[in-house]
C-alpha atoms as a PDB file:
ATOM      1  CA  MET A   1     158.426 168.237  68.550  1.00  0.00           C
ATOM      2  CA  ASN A   2     159.225 169.413  65.114  1.00  0.00           C
ATOM      3  CA  ARG A   3     160.778 172.720  63.904  1.00  0.00           C
ATOM      4  CA  ALA A   4     157.439 174.228  62.685  1.00  0.00           C
ATOM      5  CA  GLU A   5     155.919 173.541  65.990  1.00  0.00           C
ATOM      6  CA  ARG A   6     158.635 174.841  68.112  1.00  0.00           C
ATOM      7  CA  ARG A   7     158.639 178.202  65.966  1.00  0.00           C
ATOM      8  CA  GLN A   8     154.746 178.301  66.535  1.00  0.00           C
ATOM      9  CA  LYS A   9     155.188 177.836  70.374  1.00  0.00           C
ATOM     10  CA  GLU A  10     158.047 180.653  70.228  1.00  0.00           C
ATOM     11  CA  ARG A  11     155.584 183.068  68.458  1.00  0.00           C
ATOM     12  CA  GLN A  12     153.074 182.220  71.594  1.00  0.00           C
ATOM     13  CA  GLY A  13     155.942 183.332  73.777  1.00  0.00           C
ATOM     14  CA  ILE A  14     157.227 179.809  74.658  1.00  0.00           C
ATOM     15  CA  THR A  15     160.823 179.663  74.161  1.00  0.00           C
ATOM     16  CA  ALA A  16     163.103 176.550  73.438  1.00  0.00           C
ATOM     17  CA  GLN A  17     164.256 176.843  76.828  1.00  0.00           C
ATOM     18  CA  ASP A  18     160.830 176.535  78.120  1.00  0.00           C
ATOM     19  CA  LEU A  19     160.162 173.596  76.395  1.00  0.00           C
ATOM     20  CA  LYS A  20     163.271 171.742  77.477  1.00  0.00           C
ATOM     21  CA  LYS A  21     162.313 172.648  81.202  1.00  0.00           C
ATOM     22  CA  PHE A  22     158.767 171.265  80.752  1.00  0.00           C
ATOM     23  CA  GLU A  23     160.146 168.181  79.263  1.00  0.00           C
ATOM     24  CA  ARG A  24     162.627 167.639  81.931  1.00  0.00           C
ATOM     25  CA  ASP A  25     159.810 168.442  84.530  1.00  0.00           C
ATOM     26  CA  ILE A  26     157.629 165.879  82.836  1.00  0.00           C
ATOM     27  CA  GLY A  27     160.411 163.221  83.091  1.00  0.00           C
ATOM     28  CA  VAL A  28     161.275 163.888  86.821  1.00  0.00           C
ATOM     29  CA  ALA A  29     157.242 163.592  87.396  1.00  0.00           C
ATOM     30  CA  ALA A  30     157.002 160.525  85.645  1.00  0.00           C
ATOM     31  CA  THR A  31     160.066 159.027  87.299  1.00  0.00           C
ATOM     32  CA  ARG A  32     158.593 159.836  90.747  1.00  0.00           C
ATOM     33  CA  PHE A  33     155.187 158.471  89.833  1.00  0.00           C
ATOM     34  CA  ALA A  34     156.896 155.110  88.820  1.00  0.00           C
ATOM     35  CA  VAL A  35     158.928 154.816  91.801  1.00  0.00           C
ATOM     36  CA  GLU A  36     156.019 155.776  94.179  1.00  0.00           C
ATOM     37  CA  GLY A  37     153.964 153.222  92.400  1.00  0.00           C
ATOM     38  CA  TYR A  38     156.391 150.500  92.521  1.00  0.00           C
ATOM     39  CA  THR A  39     157.155 151.256  96.289  1.00  0.00           C
ATOM     40  CA  ILE A  40     153.398 150.988  97.179  1.00  0.00           C
ATOM     41  CA  ALA A  41     153.011 147.842  95.103  1.00  0.00           C
ATOM     42  CA  VAL A  42     156.075 146.368  97.100  1.00  0.00           C
ATOM     43  CA  ALA A  43     154.588 147.461 100.492  1.00  0.00           C
ATOM     44  CA  ALA A  44     151.059 145.975  99.725  1.00  0.00           C
ATOM     45  CA  VAL A  45     152.743 142.818  98.653  1.00  0.00           C
ATOM     46  CA  LEU A  46     154.653 142.550 101.908  1.00  0.00           C
ATOM     47  CA  PHE A  47     151.588 143.268 104.064  1.00  0.00           C
ATOM     48  CA  ASP A  48     148.872 141.629 101.987  1.00  0.00           C
ATOM     49  CA  LYS A  49     150.487 138.761 100.360  1.00  0.00           C
ATOM     50  CA  GLN A  50     153.363 137.965 102.629  1.00  0.00           C
ATOM     51  CA  GLY A  51     151.894 139.072 106.092  1.00  0.00           C
ATOM     52  CA  MET A  52     155.027 140.823 107.025  1.00  0.00           C
ATOM     53  CA  PRO A  53     154.904 142.795 110.205  1.00  0.00           C
ATOM     54  CA  LYS A  54     154.926 146.488 109.902  1.00  0.00           C
ATOM     55  CA  GLU A  55     158.486 146.748 111.617  1.00  0.00           C
ATOM     56  CA  GLU A  56     159.981 144.515 109.268  1.00  0.00           C
ATOM     57  CA  ALA A  57     158.566 145.795 106.304  1.00  0.00           C
ATOM     58  CA  ARG A  58     159.738 149.466 107.088  1.00  0.00           C
ATOM     59  CA  LYS A  59     163.229 147.944 107.672  1.00  0.00           C
ATOM     60  CA  LEU A  60     163.068 146.130 104.186  1.00  0.00           C
ATOM     61  CA  LEU A  61     161.743 149.250 102.510  1.00  0.00           C
ATOM     62  CA  ASP A  62     164.414 151.278 104.097  1.00  0.00           C
ATOM     63  CA  GLN A  63     167.019 149.128 102.877  1.00  0.00           C
ATOM     64  CA  VAL A  64     165.598 149.322  99.551  1.00  0.00           C
ATOM     65  CA  ALA A  65     165.513 153.200  99.386  1.00  0.00           C
ATOM     66  CA  GLU A  66     168.997 153.192 100.685  1.00  0.00           C
ATOM     67  CA  LEU A  67     170.155 150.760  97.667  1.00  0.00           C
ATOM     68  CA  PHE A  68     168.148 152.875  95.283  1.00  0.00           C
ATOM     69  CA  ASP A  69     169.820 156.284  96.318  1.00  0.00           C
ATOM     70  CA  SER A  70     173.150 154.373  95.729  1.00  0.00           C
ATOM     71  CA  ILE A  71     172.007 153.561  92.144  1.00  0.00           C
ATOM     72  CA  MET A  72     170.724 157.043  91.571  1.00  0.00           C
ATOM     73  CA  THR A  73     173.961 158.639  92.889  1.00  0.00           C
ATOM     74  CA  ASP A  74     175.908 156.403  90.384  1.00  0.00           C
ATOM     75  CA  TYR A  75     177.796 154.673  93.316  1.00  0.00           C
ATOM     76  CA  ALA A  76     176.405 151.390  91.781  1.00  0.00           C
ATOM     77  CA  THR A  77     174.749 150.804  88.448  1.00  0.00           C
ATOM     78  CA  LEU A  78     171.599 149.028  87.446  1.00  0.00           C
ATOM     79  CA  GLU A  79     173.866 146.641  85.208  1.00  0.00           C
ATOM     80  CA  ASP A  80     176.288 146.313  88.244  1.00  0.00           C
ATOM     81  CA  TRP A  81     173.297 145.098  90.359  1.00  0.00           C
ATOM     82  CA  LYS A  82     171.859 142.747  87.481  1.00  0.00           C
ATOM     83  CA  LYS A  83     175.260 141.170  87.353  1.00  0.00           C
ATOM     84  CA  VAL A  84     175.434 140.729  91.181  1.00  0.00           C
ATOM     85  CA  LEU A  85     172.114 139.132  91.177  1.00  0.00           C
ATOM     86  CA  ASN A  86     172.836 137.012  88.338  1.00  0.00           C
ATOM     87  CA  GLU A  87     176.427 135.918  89.334  1.00  0.00           C
ATOM     88  CA  GLU A  88     176.057 135.464  93.127  1.00  0.00           C
ATOM     89  CA  TYR A  89     172.426 134.472  93.494  1.00  0.00           C
ATOM     90  CA  ASP A  90     171.708 132.913  90.198  1.00  0.00           C
ATOM     91  CA  PHE A  91     168.635 135.401  89.541  1.00  0.00           C
ATOM     92  CA  VAL A  92     167.881 136.945  86.409  1.00  0.00           C
ATOM     93  CA  LEU A  93     165.370 139.706  86.638  1.00  0.00           C
ATOM     94  CA  ASP A  94     163.462 140.226  83.414  1.00  0.00           C
ATOM     95  CA  THR A  95     163.291 144.232  83.355  1.00  0.00           C
ATOM     96  CA  ASP A  96     162.537 144.469  79.494  1.00  0.00           C
ATOM     97  CA  VAL A  97     160.085 147.292  79.734  1.00  0.00           C
ATOM     98  CA  LYS A  98     159.205 146.768  75.833  1.00  0.00           C
ATOM     99  CA  LYS A  99     158.355 143.392  76.489  1.00  0.00           C
ATOM    100  CA  GLY A 100     154.539 144.041  76.628  1.00  0.00           C
ATOM    101  CA  GLU A 101     154.542 146.446  73.909  1.00  0.00           C
ATOM    102  CA  LYS A 102     153.391 145.453  70.295  1.00  0.00           C
END
């Protein structure tokens, strides 16, 4: 948002602090949506495509959630885990989010 748009919003009673909170809230909502969507997709693949029993799928998803929490709390970074996957398992995960963009 440019300066003129910010001033117009302030005249409407919306402060810069309000806008920052709004942006932060949208970011949180987008992150939650992405995490929930990916978790649902993984669960669906485990059940539908892999035929995994419910107990095993729950255990796996709990382990994923625990690892995700360690990443979110900066105990381990995404880069740390990319390196582990590459060096210890010879697995390179293509996570370039701009790949499909033109």
